[in-house]
Amino acid sequence: MITGIKGTRFRRAAAVTVTTGAVLAAGAFGAAPAGAVTTPTIAAAGGYVMNNGTAKTLYTKAADTQRSTGSTTKIMTAKVVLSQPNLNLDAKVTIQKAYSDYIVANTASSAHLIVGDKVTVRQLLYGLMLPSGCDAAYALADKFGSGSTRAARVKSFIGKMNTTAKSLGMTKTKFDSFDGIGNGNNYSTPRDLTKLASSAMKSATFRTVVKTKSYTAKTVTKTGSTRTMAAWTNTNTLLSSYSGTIGVKTGSGPEAKYCLVFAATRNGKTIIGTVLASTSITQRATDATKLLNYGFAQ
């Protein structure tokens, strides 16, 4: 019995000695180095994270493997619109039946725009980025492409998307749609999409739109009256679940699975990244959260 007590005391004393030694060692060498942070495991097939201020790479997982991007494509749609010379955000666009027909034909995500309504370019950007409206994407491509037919204008707009990708050094990216519903030739990589998002975030309008949780548009009907649309809710759940989140865009689809381009700022440091082909809506947010925590810990 006495031996047992002594043994317990000895083990406690040894534990204290080890702990004290560890504390002294930590004190002697300062805080644990950044490299000591455990690299997270994510469900997504691909991922990339960087420090937006320094462009330093912080995490990679199949970062240069080309994959379907889903609606993260719409970041480029918005970027092309916001890069137009002499852009008037208050210019009105009349919603065409072709846009709603397209939504129905593709069972696509929608901003529920009403045919005949006049909607401003600014409102279309919210409809594009919050509920991920493919009708809003179509309207913007039709408005900002050039050509005498709608097909020509859409083709022209997609051409601008690809030209912009080249100018940003997105060497492994190709767009063949204005919204991510591709025709087999719409792909990018986690690194390229992060590069795109970093560039898009230089626009104050883009930043304002993508950090907005909910937006209610007031459109002008055929008769000239005002229609208050149902509120558009941002599909990026990180805006509510992760402190400091400032964007950016979700994406999903049968081939793309679940994607998220994300950005957050804490203590003046902005971390930006992408996960492609995660396993669920919840999991892509979990993946992004892990990567943001990892980025801020470095």
Protein backbone atom coordinates (compact mmCIF):
# COMPACT_ATOMS: atom_id res chain seq x y z
CA MET A 1 0.00 0.00 0.00
CA ILE A 2 2.78 2.39 1.03
CA THR A 3 4.76 1.43 -2.06
CA GLY A 4 1.73 2.22 -4.21
CA ILE A 5 1.50 5.73 -2.78
CA LYS A 6 5.19 6.36 -3.34
CA GLY A 7 4.87 5.08 -6.89
CA THR A 8 1.99 7.42 -7.62
CA ARG A 9 3.91 10.33 -6.14
CA PHE A 10 6.94 9.45 -8.24
CA ARG A 11 4.90 9.32 -11.45
CA ARG A 12 3.33 12.69 -10.64
CA ALA A 13 6.72 14.21 -9.90
CA ALA A 14 8.12 12.84 -13.15
CA ALA A 15 5.17 14.27 -15.08
CA VAL A 16 5.72 17.69 -13.51
CA THR A 17 9.43 17.54 -14.35
CA VAL A 18 8.71 16.66 -18.00
CA THR A 19 6.08 19.40 -18.29
CA THR A 20 8.36 21.98 -16.71
CA GLY A 21 11.16 20.97 -19.06
CA ALA A 22 8.87 21.38 -22.05
CA VAL A 23 7.80 24.83 -20.87
CA LEU A 24 11.42 25.88 -20.31
CA ALA A 25 12.40 24.58 -23.75
CA ALA A 26 9.53 26.47 -25.37
CA GLY A 27 10.52 29.60 -23.47
CA ALA A 28 14.13 29.27 -24.51
CA PHE A 29 13.35 28.92 -28.22
CA GLY A 30 10.25 31.11 -28.42
CA ALA A 31 6.89 30.08 -29.88
CA ALA A 32 6.61 26.88 -31.91
CA PRO A 33 7.64 27.49 -35.53
CA ALA A 34 4.91 27.92 -38.16
CA GLY A 35 5.90 24.61 -39.72
CA ALA A 36 4.76 22.86 -36.54
CA VAL A 37 1.10 23.44 -37.47
CA THR A 38 -0.40 20.12 -38.57
CA THR A 39 -1.32 20.04 -42.26
CA PRO A 40 -5.08 19.42 -42.47
CA THR A 41 -6.74 16.54 -44.28
CA ILE A 42 -9.63 17.53 -46.56
CA ALA A 43 -12.28 15.47 -48.35
CA ALA A 44 -12.03 17.61 -51.49
CA ALA A 45 -10.06 16.12 -54.39
CA GLY A 46 -8.16 19.36 -54.88
CA GLY A 47 -7.23 22.36 -52.79
CA TYR A 48 -5.03 25.44 -52.75
CA VAL A 49 -4.52 28.24 -50.23
CA MET A 50 -2.39 31.37 -50.33
CA ASN A 51 -1.69 34.52 -48.35
CA ASN A 52 -3.45 37.14 -50.45
CA GLY A 53 -1.08 39.91 -49.38
CA THR A 54 2.16 38.12 -50.26
CA ALA A 55 0.85 35.53 -52.79
CA LYS A 56 2.75 32.92 -50.76
CA THR A 57 1.46 29.37 -51.21
CA LEU A 58 0.32 27.92 -47.88
CA TYR A 59 -1.34 24.64 -48.88
CA THR A 60 -1.66 22.42 -51.96
CA LYS A 61 -3.52 19.23 -52.79
CA ALA A 62 -3.65 18.36 -56.50
CA ALA A 63 -3.55 22.14 -56.90
CA ASP A 64 -2.77 22.00 -60.63
CA THR A 65 -5.10 19.15 -61.59
CA GLN A 66 -7.83 20.30 -63.97
CA ARG A 67 -11.38 19.72 -62.79
CA SER A 68 -14.90 20.86 -63.54
CA THR A 69 -15.53 24.11 -61.66
CA GLY A 70 -19.32 24.34 -61.45
CA SER A 71 -20.59 27.80 -60.59
CA THR A 72 -17.23 29.04 -59.34
CA THR A 73 -17.01 29.89 -63.08
CA LYS A 74 -19.26 32.86 -62.26
CA ILE A 75 -16.33 34.59 -60.56
CA MET A 76 -14.92 35.06 -64.07
CA THR A 77 -18.33 36.13 -65.39
CA ALA A 78 -18.39 38.92 -62.78
CA LYS A 79 -14.72 39.78 -63.38
CA VAL A 80 -15.31 40.26 -67.14
CA VAL A 81 -18.37 42.45 -66.51
CA LEU A 82 -16.55 44.59 -63.93
CA SER A 83 -13.58 44.99 -66.31
CA GLN A 84 -15.71 46.60 -69.04
CA PRO A 85 -14.61 50.14 -69.93
CA ASN A 86 -16.99 52.90 -68.81
CA LEU A 87 -19.16 50.37 -66.98
CA ASN A 88 -22.49 51.74 -65.79
CA LEU A 89 -23.71 49.55 -62.93
CA ASP A 90 -27.10 51.23 -63.07
CA ALA A 91 -27.69 50.45 -66.76
CA LYS A 92 -30.87 48.42 -67.16
CA VAL A 93 -31.11 45.04 -68.86
CA THR A 94 -34.48 43.66 -70.01
CA ILE A 95 -34.93 40.01 -69.04
CA GLN A 96 -35.58 37.83 -72.09
CA LYS A 97 -37.61 34.61 -72.32
CA ALA A 98 -34.44 32.84 -73.55
CA TYR A 99 -32.90 33.27 -70.08
CA SER A 100 -35.78 31.58 -68.26
CA ASP A 101 -36.05 28.88 -70.96
CA TYR A 102 -32.36 28.14 -70.40
CA ILE A 103 -32.94 27.71 -66.65
CA VAL A 104 -35.79 25.27 -67.27
CA ALA A 105 -33.90 23.29 -69.94
CA ASN A 106 -30.84 22.86 -67.70
CA THR A 107 -32.58 22.60 -64.31
CA ALA A 108 -30.15 25.36 -63.39
CA SER A 109 -29.78 27.47 -60.25
CA SER A 110 -31.79 30.63 -60.67
CA ALA A 111 -32.27 34.20 -59.47
CA HIS A 112 -35.92 33.82 -60.59
CA LEU A 113 -35.76 36.84 -62.86
CA ILE A 114 -39.06 37.74 -64.49
CA VAL A 115 -39.30 38.01 -68.28
CA GLY A 116 -39.85 41.63 -69.31
CA ASP A 117 -38.51 43.12 -66.08
CA LYS A 118 -35.74 45.71 -66.30
CA VAL A 119 -32.88 44.82 -63.95
CA THR A 120 -29.72 46.86 -63.38
CA VAL A 121 -26.25 45.45 -64.03
CA ARG A 122 -25.53 45.85 -60.31
CA GLN A 123 -28.62 43.80 -59.41
CA LEU A 124 -27.63 41.14 -61.95
CA LEU A 125 -24.24 40.83 -60.24
CA TYR A 126 -25.99 40.12 -56.94
CA GLY A 127 -28.30 37.66 -58.71
CA LEU A 128 -25.24 36.02 -60.24
CA MET A 129 -23.13 35.68 -57.10
CA LEU A 130 -25.60 35.16 -54.22
CA PRO A 131 -28.21 32.60 -55.41
CA SER A 132 -25.84 31.66 -58.28
CA GLY A 133 -28.41 32.64 -60.89
CA CYS A 134 -27.64 31.17 -64.30
CA ASP A 135 -30.37 33.46 -65.68
CA ALA A 136 -28.41 36.46 -64.36
CA ALA A 137 -25.22 35.02 -65.93
CA TYR A 138 -26.98 34.65 -69.29
CA ALA A 139 -28.31 38.21 -69.10
CA LEU A 140 -24.83 39.58 -68.38
CA ALA A 141 -23.21 37.56 -71.19
CA ASP A 142 -25.90 38.75 -73.61
CA LYS A 143 -25.43 42.36 -72.47
CA PHE A 144 -21.61 42.49 -72.52
CA GLY A 145 -20.78 40.21 -75.44
CA SER A 146 -20.67 41.75 -78.91
CA GLY A 147 -22.48 40.56 -82.01
CA SER A 148 -25.75 40.84 -83.91
CA THR A 149 -27.28 37.66 -82.45
CA ARG A 150 -27.59 36.37 -78.91
CA ALA A 151 -25.50 33.30 -79.77
CA ALA A 152 -22.76 35.53 -81.16
CA ARG A 153 -22.81 37.76 -78.08
CA VAL A 154 -22.59 34.78 -75.73
CA LYS A 155 -19.69 33.34 -77.74
CA SER A 156 -17.96 36.72 -77.64
CA PHE A 157 -18.43 36.98 -73.87
CA ILE A 158 -16.98 33.50 -73.27
CA GLY A 159 -14.07 34.58 -75.47
CA LYS A 160 -13.49 37.50 -73.10
CA MET A 161 -13.51 35.07 -70.17
CA ASN A 162 -10.75 33.01 -71.79
CA THR A 163 -8.73 36.09 -72.78
CA THR A 164 -8.92 37.31 -69.18
CA ALA A 165 -7.84 33.89 -67.90
CA LYS A 166 -4.74 34.03 -70.13
CA SER A 167 -3.92 37.56 -68.97
CA LEU A 168 -4.05 36.39 -65.34
CA GLY A 169 -1.71 33.47 -66.05
CA MET A 170 -4.44 30.87 -65.54
CA THR A 171 -2.61 28.43 -67.79
CA LYS A 172 -4.70 25.36 -66.92
CA THR A 173 -8.13 26.97 -67.28
CA LYS A 174 -10.69 26.88 -70.10
CA PHE A 175 -14.21 28.26 -70.16
CA ASP A 176 -16.91 27.16 -72.58
CA SER A 177 -19.85 28.60 -70.65
CA PHE A 178 -20.82 31.81 -68.86
CA ASP A 179 -22.06 29.99 -65.74
CA GLY A 180 -20.27 26.66 -65.31
CA ILE A 181 -22.83 24.53 -67.13
CA GLY A 182 -20.16 23.57 -69.63
CA ASN A 183 -20.20 21.53 -72.77
CA GLY A 184 -17.36 19.27 -71.67
CA ASN A 185 -14.67 21.93 -71.97
CA ASN A 186 -15.09 24.05 -68.84
CA TYR A 187 -12.34 23.42 -66.31
CA SER A 188 -9.79 25.00 -64.03
CA THR A 189 -7.55 24.17 -61.06
CA PRO A 190 -7.54 25.18 -57.39
CA ARG A 191 -4.46 27.36 -57.99
CA ASP A 192 -5.93 29.10 -61.05
CA LEU A 193 -9.28 29.78 -59.39
CA THR A 194 -7.55 31.22 -56.33
CA LYS A 195 -5.53 33.47 -58.64
CA LEU A 196 -8.77 34.58 -60.32
CA ALA A 197 -10.50 35.29 -57.02
CA SER A 198 -7.53 37.29 -55.77
CA SER A 199 -7.70 39.45 -58.89
CA ALA A 200 -11.50 39.82 -58.75
CA MET A 201 -11.30 40.93 -55.10
CA LYS A 202 -9.40 44.03 -56.21
CA SER A 203 -12.76 45.39 -57.40
CA ALA A 204 -14.65 47.21 -54.62
CA THR A 205 -17.97 46.29 -56.25
CA PHE A 206 -17.03 42.61 -56.39
CA ARG A 207 -15.93 42.66 -52.73
CA THR A 208 -19.20 44.28 -51.69
CA VAL A 209 -21.31 41.76 -53.60
CA VAL A 210 -19.57 38.55 -52.48
CA LYS A 211 -19.58 39.40 -48.77
CA THR A 212 -23.34 40.17 -48.81
CA LYS A 213 -25.45 37.52 -47.08
CA SER A 214 -28.82 38.64 -48.46
CA TYR A 215 -29.99 41.14 -51.06
CA THR A 216 -33.44 42.28 -52.16
CA ALA A 217 -33.68 43.69 -55.68
CA LYS A 218 -36.36 46.13 -56.78
CA THR A 219 -36.89 45.70 -60.51
CA VAL A 220 -39.03 47.63 -63.01
CA THR A 221 -41.87 45.67 -64.59
CA LYS A 222 -43.16 45.89 -68.18
CA THR A 223 -45.80 48.38 -67.03
CA GLY A 224 -43.26 50.59 -65.25
CA SER A 225 -44.21 49.62 -61.71
CA THR A 226 -41.69 48.43 -59.12
CA ARG A 227 -41.38 44.76 -58.29
CA THR A 228 -39.75 43.76 -55.01
CA MET A 229 -38.06 40.45 -55.68
CA ALA A 230 -37.82 37.67 -53.11
CA ALA A 231 -34.53 38.09 -51.23
CA TRP A 232 -31.45 36.44 -52.73
CA THR A 233 -29.49 34.51 -50.12
CA ASN A 234 -25.78 33.89 -50.51
CA THR A 235 -25.00 30.17 -50.94
CA ASN A 236 -21.62 30.67 -49.19
CA THR A 237 -22.38 29.47 -45.65
CA LEU A 238 -18.93 30.55 -44.41
CA LEU A 239 -20.25 34.13 -44.29
CA SER A 240 -22.27 33.07 -41.25
CA SER A 241 -20.11 30.29 -39.83
CA TYR A 242 -16.54 31.60 -40.11
CA SER A 243 -15.54 34.90 -38.53
CA GLY A 244 -13.80 37.24 -40.96
CA THR A 245 -15.15 35.64 -44.16
CA ILE A 246 -15.30 38.12 -47.06
CA GLY A 247 -16.32 35.80 -49.97
CA VAL A 248 -16.23 34.27 -52.48
CA LYS A 249 -18.32 31.69 -54.43
CA THR A 250 -19.76 28.20 -54.26
CA GLY A 251 -20.09 25.74 -57.11
CA SER A 252 -21.63 22.31 -57.60
CA GLY A 253 -22.66 19.87 -60.26
CA PRO A 254 -22.69 16.16 -61.17
CA GLU A 255 -19.09 16.35 -62.42
CA ALA A 256 -17.82 19.25 -60.29
CA LYS A 257 -19.29 17.79 -57.08
CA TYR A 258 -19.00 20.48 -54.37
CA CYS A 259 -16.64 23.42 -54.81
CA LEU A 260 -15.88 26.57 -52.86
CA VAL A 261 -13.61 29.52 -53.48
CA PHE A 262 -13.17 31.24 -50.13
CA ALA A 263 -11.50 34.24 -48.51
CA ALA A 264 -11.29 35.61 -44.99
CA THR A 265 -9.47 38.43 -43.24
CA ARG A 266 -8.30 38.39 -39.63
CA ASN A 267 -5.95 40.90 -37.98
CA GLY A 268 -5.14 42.49 -41.32
CA LYS A 269 -4.17 39.17 -42.94
CA THR A 270 -6.23 37.80 -45.83
CA ILE A 271 -6.21 34.11 -46.69
CA ILE A 272 -7.74 33.03 -50.00
CA GLY A 273 -8.20 29.56 -51.45
CA THR A 274 -10.21 26.96 -53.31
CA VAL A 275 -11.50 23.45 -52.78
CA LEU A 276 -12.74 21.44 -55.77
CA ALA A 277 -14.74 18.19 -55.81
CA SER A 278 -15.58 17.95 -52.12
CA THR A 279 -18.21 15.44 -51.04
CA SER A 280 -21.14 17.60 -49.86
CA ILE A 281 -22.30 21.16 -49.20
CA THR A 282 -21.41 20.75 -45.53
CA GLN A 283 -18.07 19.11 -46.25
CA ARG A 284 -16.84 21.82 -48.62
CA ALA A 285 -17.42 24.38 -45.84
CA THR A 286 -15.63 22.10 -43.36
CA ASP A 287 -12.73 21.70 -45.79
CA ALA A 288 -12.50 25.47 -46.29
CA THR A 289 -12.67 26.10 -42.53
CA LYS A 290 -9.77 23.70 -41.93
CA LEU A 291 -7.72 25.38 -44.64
CA LEU A 292 -8.47 28.90 -43.39
CA ASN A 293 -7.49 27.93 -39.83
CA TYR A 294 -4.30 26.41 -41.22
CA GLY A 295 -3.57 29.51 -43.28
CA PHE A 296 -4.04 31.88 -40.36
CA ALA A 297 -1.86 29.69 -38.11
CA GLN A 298 1.13 30.20 -40.44
